[in-house]
Amino acid sequence: MDKQCVRNYFNKNAEEWIKSGYDEDKYSYPVAFHRARIVSSVLAEKGPNLNILDLGCGGGNLSILLAKNGHNVVGVDQSSKMIDIANESRGNLPKEEQYRVRFVLSDLEKIDLQENHFDAVTAMGLIGYLPNDDILFRLADDLLRPEGTFLVSCRNRLFNMVSLSYRTVKEIEQGEAVPLLYEIDELYQGIPKQEIEDFLDCLKESVQGIEVEALSDSFGEESASIRLGKDDNALEARQHTPKRLTEKAAEFGFKNTHCFGVHPHLMDPRVNRLLPPDVYNRISCSLEPLEQLPVSLVWSSVFLSVFEK
């Protein structure tokens, strides 16, 4: 993927990108918010006062959250607009938290940071916008200390087989559908009783939160014409599967310790716009208690992998 194209895209769409990632607008699921929630939880188990590198930090939301949690964070991004937003947010922090985080404008391949220094490296959504995966894993290998933690999030290619989208058509045309289905088949593992109870509680709460009286008799008639076409104005990130990403990580000495499913879907995502605002996401959010289980990777459009060096 062309670096200048990516840089221009995020400079132009920085504010919209941050808003869609962190603010729920009834039809959009705040993916970045939930990724940050998971990252924060994973790193909390690694201990206090970690030195963390946040690659592709965007507007700095994750970096600032980790700094508030007591860690020391360096956020790096190649978009000048994103770094401006990040520094503005940093300026609103209390002084003691400002000292814990700083932001650097830099191309990944030109980063000037101390090798084997960081306890953890995060890369949320970044890998899909790089020309290849080696760039990211090589950099993380250089900058992480021994036994350091590397958290990577990306678009879930497995979801193409259940989303009934133009991506599904593409996988079939390219002969990739069957291998993807076999990888999906391996994920159907047991669900513990407690997680089932949590899921049912969330589902009940989600349904109860919907005001039936407010729903119209007919909705989404215009949206019923949704087809399999691609939005030509969007910058399409490269996708990965959990298994293939783990295999690539192993080439650089990383071992996968966990995968989380992010952005769950209880139904075909195209149904979202056929329902009143917030209905689809409310129902789908009930699957969040299962996000740490392998089966969550079947219905999630994004996944987050945790690697140890």
Protein backbone atom coordinates (compact mmCIF):
# COMPACT_ATOMS: atom_id res chain seq x y z
CA MET A 1 0.00 0.00 0.00
CA ASP A 2 1.38 3.40 -0.97
CA LYS A 3 2.59 5.29 2.12
CA GLN A 4 1.82 8.74 0.75
CA CYS A 5 -1.71 7.67 -0.11
CA VAL A 6 -2.23 6.41 3.44
CA ARG A 7 -0.72 9.58 4.93
CA ASN A 8 -2.97 11.80 2.82
CA TYR A 9 -6.05 9.78 3.69
CA PHE A 10 -5.54 10.04 7.45
CA ASN A 11 -4.57 13.72 7.29
CA LYS A 12 -7.81 14.40 5.46
CA ASN A 13 -10.07 12.17 7.56
CA ALA A 14 -8.39 12.38 10.98
CA GLU A 15 -11.24 13.90 12.97
CA GLU A 16 -13.91 11.73 11.34
CA TRP A 17 -11.78 8.63 11.89
CA ILE A 18 -11.32 9.36 15.60
CA LYS A 19 -15.00 10.14 16.09
CA SER A 20 -16.16 6.92 14.39
CA GLY A 21 -13.69 4.88 16.43
CA TYR A 22 -14.58 6.23 19.85
CA ASP A 23 -18.09 7.69 19.66
CA GLU A 24 -21.08 5.46 19.06
CA ASP A 25 -23.43 7.16 16.59
CA LYS A 26 -26.23 4.54 16.74
CA TYR A 27 -25.18 2.82 13.50
CA SER A 28 -21.39 2.64 13.99
CA TYR A 29 -19.70 0.44 16.57
CA PRO A 30 -16.83 2.24 18.40
CA VAL A 31 -14.13 -0.27 17.50
CA ALA A 32 -11.17 1.83 18.69
CA PHE A 33 -12.80 2.37 22.10
CA HIS A 34 -13.23 -1.37 22.63
CA ARG A 35 -9.74 -2.18 21.38
CA ALA A 36 -8.38 0.32 23.90
CA ARG A 37 -10.46 -1.28 26.64
CA ILE A 38 -8.99 -4.71 25.88
CA VAL A 39 -5.42 -3.40 25.56
CA SER A 40 -5.72 -1.57 28.88
CA SER A 41 -6.92 -4.76 30.58
CA VAL A 42 -4.18 -6.95 29.07
CA LEU A 43 -1.39 -4.55 30.00
CA ALA A 44 -2.75 -4.06 33.52
CA GLU A 45 -1.85 -7.70 34.14
CA LYS A 46 1.74 -7.08 33.02
CA GLY A 47 2.49 -4.75 35.89
CA PRO A 48 2.72 -1.01 36.66
CA ASN A 49 4.93 1.67 35.09
CA LEU A 50 5.48 -0.10 31.77
CA ASN A 51 7.38 1.57 28.94
CA ILE A 52 4.95 1.35 26.01
CA LEU A 53 5.27 2.23 22.34
CA ASP A 54 1.99 2.93 20.55
CA LEU A 55 2.60 2.57 16.79
CA GLY A 56 0.03 4.24 14.55
CA CYS A 57 -1.24 6.13 17.59
CA GLY A 58 -3.67 8.28 15.60
CA GLY A 59 -5.23 10.96 17.78
CA GLY A 60 -3.51 9.57 20.87
CA ASN A 61 -6.58 8.17 22.63
CA LEU A 62 -4.98 4.83 23.53
CA SER A 63 -1.64 6.41 24.45
CA ILE A 64 -3.34 8.87 26.79
CA LEU A 65 -5.46 6.13 28.40
CA LEU A 66 -2.33 4.08 29.10
CA ALA A 67 -0.57 7.14 30.52
CA LYS A 68 -3.55 7.74 32.81
CA ASN A 69 -3.14 4.11 33.91
CA GLY A 70 0.37 4.99 35.11
CA HIS A 71 2.45 3.78 32.16
CA ASN A 72 5.10 5.72 30.21
CA VAL A 73 4.04 5.97 26.57
CA VAL A 74 5.50 7.08 23.25
CA GLY A 75 2.94 7.45 20.47
CA VAL A 76 4.12 7.44 16.84
CA ASP A 77 2.15 8.27 13.71
CA GLN A 78 2.98 9.42 10.19
CA SER A 79 -0.06 11.70 9.94
CA SER A 80 0.75 15.27 11.00
CA LYS A 81 -2.94 15.98 11.56
CA MET A 82 -3.27 13.00 13.90
CA ILE A 83 -0.19 14.07 15.87
CA ASP A 84 -1.54 17.64 16.16
CA ILE A 85 -4.78 16.27 17.62
CA ALA A 86 -2.84 13.97 19.96
CA ASN A 87 -0.67 16.82 21.26
CA GLU A 88 -3.73 19.00 21.78
CA SER A 89 -5.31 16.25 23.90
CA ARG A 90 -2.05 15.79 25.80
CA GLY A 91 -2.07 19.48 26.66
CA ASN A 92 -5.38 19.03 28.48
CA LEU A 93 -3.94 16.41 30.84
CA PRO A 94 -2.72 17.12 34.39
CA LYS A 95 1.01 17.84 34.42
CA GLU A 96 1.97 14.49 35.95
CA GLU A 97 0.15 12.65 33.15
CA GLN A 98 1.60 14.89 30.45
CA TYR A 99 5.06 13.80 31.54
CA ARG A 100 4.09 10.18 30.98
CA VAL A 101 3.21 10.51 27.28
CA ARG A 102 4.79 12.10 24.23
CA PHE A 103 3.99 11.96 20.53
CA VAL A 104 6.37 11.62 17.59
CA LEU A 105 5.67 12.34 13.92
CA SER A 106 7.58 9.70 11.99
CA ASP A 107 7.49 7.14 9.22
CA LEU A 108 7.71 3.65 10.76
CA GLU A 109 10.82 2.82 8.78
CA LYS A 110 12.57 5.94 10.07
CA ILE A 111 11.81 5.69 13.77
CA ASP A 112 14.74 6.70 15.97
CA LEU A 113 14.09 4.96 19.29
CA GLN A 114 16.19 2.86 21.65
CA GLU A 115 16.30 -0.83 20.79
CA ASN A 116 15.16 -3.45 23.35
CA HIS A 117 13.71 -0.67 25.48
CA PHE A 118 9.94 -1.15 25.55
CA ASP A 119 7.97 -3.54 27.74
CA ALA A 120 5.05 -3.46 25.32
CA VAL A 121 4.31 -2.33 21.78
CA THR A 122 0.78 -1.74 20.48
CA ALA A 123 -0.32 -1.44 16.86
CA MET A 124 -4.06 -0.98 16.56
CA GLY A 125 -5.24 -1.31 12.96
CA LEU A 126 -1.86 -0.23 11.62
CA ILE A 127 -0.71 -3.44 9.95
CA GLY A 128 -3.44 -3.33 7.31
CA TYR A 129 -2.10 -0.05 5.93
CA LEU A 130 1.50 -1.24 5.55
CA PRO A 131 2.93 -2.68 2.32
CA ASN A 132 3.71 -5.94 4.13
CA ASP A 133 3.63 -7.49 7.60
CA ASP A 134 7.40 -7.89 7.96
CA ILE A 135 7.87 -4.14 8.49
CA LEU A 136 5.82 -4.16 11.69
CA PHE A 137 7.08 -7.41 13.19
CA ARG A 138 10.70 -6.56 12.49
CA LEU A 139 10.28 -3.16 14.16
CA ALA A 140 8.57 -4.65 17.21
CA ASP A 141 11.29 -7.27 17.50
CA ASP A 142 13.95 -4.55 17.50
CA LEU A 143 12.28 -2.26 20.02
CA LEU A 144 10.82 -4.73 22.51
CA ARG A 145 12.87 -6.00 25.41
CA PRO A 146 13.14 -9.79 25.90
CA GLU A 147 9.77 -11.24 27.00
CA GLY A 148 8.04 -8.04 25.92
CA THR A 149 4.39 -7.96 24.80
CA PHE A 150 3.21 -7.06 21.31
CA LEU A 151 -0.49 -6.31 20.74
CA VAL A 152 -1.69 -6.21 17.14
CA SER A 153 -5.18 -5.47 15.88
CA CYS A 154 -6.38 -5.90 12.30
CA ARG A 155 -9.35 -6.57 10.06
CA ASN A 156 -10.57 -10.16 10.38
CA ARG A 157 -10.53 -11.88 7.00
CA LEU A 158 -12.51 -14.82 8.39
CA PHE A 159 -15.48 -12.50 8.77
CA ASN A 160 -15.66 -12.24 4.98
CA MET A 161 -17.23 -15.69 4.95
CA VAL A 162 -20.14 -14.72 7.20
CA SER A 163 -20.71 -11.07 6.31
CA LEU A 164 -22.26 -11.67 2.86
CA SER A 165 -20.41 -8.71 1.35
CA TYR A 166 -18.39 -7.92 -1.75
CA ARG A 167 -15.47 -9.34 0.22
CA THR A 168 -17.27 -12.70 0.33
CA VAL A 169 -17.59 -12.63 -3.44
CA LYS A 170 -13.89 -11.76 -3.78
CA GLU A 171 -12.81 -14.69 -1.59
CA ILE A 172 -14.91 -17.08 -3.65
CA GLU A 173 -13.61 -15.73 -6.95
CA GLN A 174 -9.99 -16.00 -5.78
CA GLY A 175 -10.43 -19.56 -4.51
CA GLU A 176 -9.80 -18.62 -0.86
CA ALA A 177 -13.25 -19.43 0.54
CA VAL A 178 -12.62 -23.07 1.42
CA PRO A 179 -9.35 -22.49 3.36
CA LEU A 180 -11.05 -19.69 5.30
CA LEU A 181 -13.99 -21.94 6.15
CA TYR A 182 -11.64 -24.62 7.44
CA GLU A 183 -9.91 -22.08 9.68
CA ILE A 184 -13.32 -20.96 10.95
CA ASP A 185 -14.25 -24.59 11.63
CA GLU A 186 -11.37 -24.89 14.12
CA LEU A 187 -12.81 -22.06 16.23
CA TYR A 188 -16.02 -23.81 17.25
CA GLN A 189 -14.87 -24.74 20.75
CA GLY A 190 -16.73 -24.99 24.04
CA ILE A 191 -18.25 -21.97 25.78
CA PRO A 192 -18.01 -22.01 29.62
CA LYS A 193 -21.24 -21.74 31.58
CA GLN A 194 -20.33 -18.40 33.16
CA GLU A 195 -19.75 -16.80 29.74
CA ILE A 196 -23.08 -18.17 28.54
CA GLU A 197 -24.84 -16.66 31.55
CA ASP A 198 -23.08 -13.31 30.97
CA PHE A 199 -24.07 -13.35 27.30
CA LEU A 200 -27.72 -14.07 28.14
CA ASP A 201 -27.76 -11.31 30.76
CA CYS A 202 -26.33 -8.83 28.25
CA LEU A 203 -28.78 -9.94 25.59
CA LYS A 204 -31.71 -9.52 27.96
CA GLU A 205 -30.48 -6.07 29.00
CA SER A 206 -29.95 -5.04 25.37
CA VAL A 207 -33.44 -6.07 24.31
CA GLN A 208 -35.04 -4.43 27.33
CA GLY A 209 -33.29 -1.17 26.44
CA ILE A 210 -35.08 -0.95 23.10
CA GLU A 211 -38.28 1.10 23.24
CA VAL A 212 -40.66 -0.81 20.99
CA GLU A 213 -43.23 1.98 21.06
CA ALA A 214 -40.73 4.30 19.40
CA LEU A 215 -40.18 1.99 16.43
CA SER A 216 -42.04 2.77 13.24
CA ASP A 217 -44.12 0.13 11.43
CA SER A 218 -41.66 0.12 8.55
CA PHE A 219 -38.02 1.11 8.53
CA GLY A 220 -35.05 1.07 6.23
CA GLU A 221 -36.97 0.75 2.97
CA GLU A 222 -34.35 2.82 1.16
CA SER A 223 -31.60 0.75 2.76
CA ALA A 224 -33.19 -2.42 1.44
CA SER A 225 -31.38 -1.75 -1.83
CA ILE A 226 -27.98 -2.37 -0.17
CA ARG A 227 -25.95 -4.53 -2.50
CA LEU A 228 -22.54 -6.18 -2.58
CA GLY A 229 -20.72 -3.17 -4.02
CA LYS A 230 -17.61 -1.60 -2.52
CA ASP A 231 -17.37 2.02 -1.35
CA ASP A 232 -14.79 3.36 -3.80
CA ASN A 233 -14.09 6.36 -1.54
CA ALA A 234 -12.86 4.21 1.34
CA LEU A 235 -9.25 3.20 1.85
CA GLU A 236 -9.37 -0.58 2.04
CA ALA A 237 -7.00 -2.02 4.64
CA ARG A 238 -5.34 -5.37 4.08
CA GLN A 239 -7.00 -8.15 6.05
CA HIS A 240 -5.57 -11.04 8.07
CA THR A 241 -6.73 -14.24 9.70
CA PRO A 242 -5.70 -15.10 13.27
CA LYS A 243 -3.91 -18.26 12.18
CA ARG A 244 -1.93 -16.63 9.36
CA LEU A 245 -0.95 -13.65 11.53
CA THR A 246 0.28 -16.05 14.20
CA GLU A 247 2.38 -17.89 11.61
CA LYS A 248 3.93 -14.63 10.43
CA ALA A 249 4.65 -13.56 14.01
CA ALA A 250 6.42 -16.86 14.65
CA GLU A 251 8.91 -16.04 11.89
CA PHE A 252 10.14 -13.18 14.10
CA GLY A 253 10.16 -15.18 17.32
CA PHE A 254 6.77 -14.12 18.68
CA LYS A 255 4.39 -16.55 20.35
CA ASN A 256 0.64 -15.95 20.33
CA THR A 257 -0.89 -16.06 23.80
CA HIS A 258 -4.43 -14.89 23.06
CA CYS A 259 -6.85 -13.55 20.46
CA PHE A 260 -9.87 -11.36 21.13
CA GLY A 261 -12.80 -10.88 18.78
CA VAL A 262 -13.68 -7.18 18.39
CA HIS A 263 -16.82 -5.69 16.81
CA PRO A 264 -19.25 -8.60 17.18
CA HIS A 265 -22.18 -9.21 14.85
CA LEU A 266 -25.18 -11.26 15.88
CA MET A 267 -26.68 -10.92 12.40
CA ASP A 268 -25.65 -10.06 8.84
CA PRO A 269 -24.14 -6.54 9.13
CA ARG A 270 -26.23 -5.29 6.22
CA VAL A 271 -29.29 -5.73 8.44
CA ASN A 272 -27.96 -2.85 10.57
CA ARG A 273 -29.35 -0.14 8.27
CA LEU A 274 -32.65 -1.96 7.90
CA LEU A 275 -33.33 -1.50 11.62
CA PRO A 276 -33.91 1.67 13.65
CA PRO A 277 -30.77 3.36 15.01
CA ASP A 278 -28.90 1.52 17.77
CA VAL A 279 -30.98 -1.68 17.60
CA TYR A 280 -28.43 -3.75 15.70
CA ASN A 281 -25.43 -2.69 17.80
CA ARG A 282 -27.30 -3.07 21.08
CA ILE A 283 -28.08 -6.68 20.24
CA SER A 284 -24.59 -7.41 18.89
CA CYS A 285 -22.90 -5.95 21.97
CA SER A 286 -24.38 -8.78 23.98
CA LEU A 287 -21.63 -10.97 22.48
CA GLU A 288 -18.87 -8.95 24.18
CA PRO A 289 -18.72 -11.32 27.21
CA LEU A 290 -17.49 -13.99 24.76
CA GLU A 291 -14.80 -11.82 23.12
CA GLN A 292 -11.93 -13.74 24.73
CA LEU A 293 -13.09 -17.12 23.34
CA PRO A 294 -11.91 -18.62 20.02
CA VAL A 295 -15.47 -18.76 18.67
CA SER A 296 -15.71 -14.96 18.91
CA LEU A 297 -13.41 -14.79 15.88
CA VAL A 298 -16.22 -16.20 13.75
CA TRP A 299 -18.58 -13.25 14.18
CA SER A 300 -16.09 -10.40 14.76
CA SER A 301 -14.94 -8.12 11.94
CA VAL A 302 -11.76 -7.20 13.82
CA PHE A 303 -9.45 -9.22 16.04
CA LEU A 304 -6.73 -8.33 18.51
CA SER A 305 -3.81 -10.72 18.99
CA VAL A 306 -1.44 -10.73 21.95
CA PHE A 307 2.12 -11.91 21.28
CA GLU A 308 5.06 -12.48 23.62
CA LYS A 309 8.64 -12.06 22.48
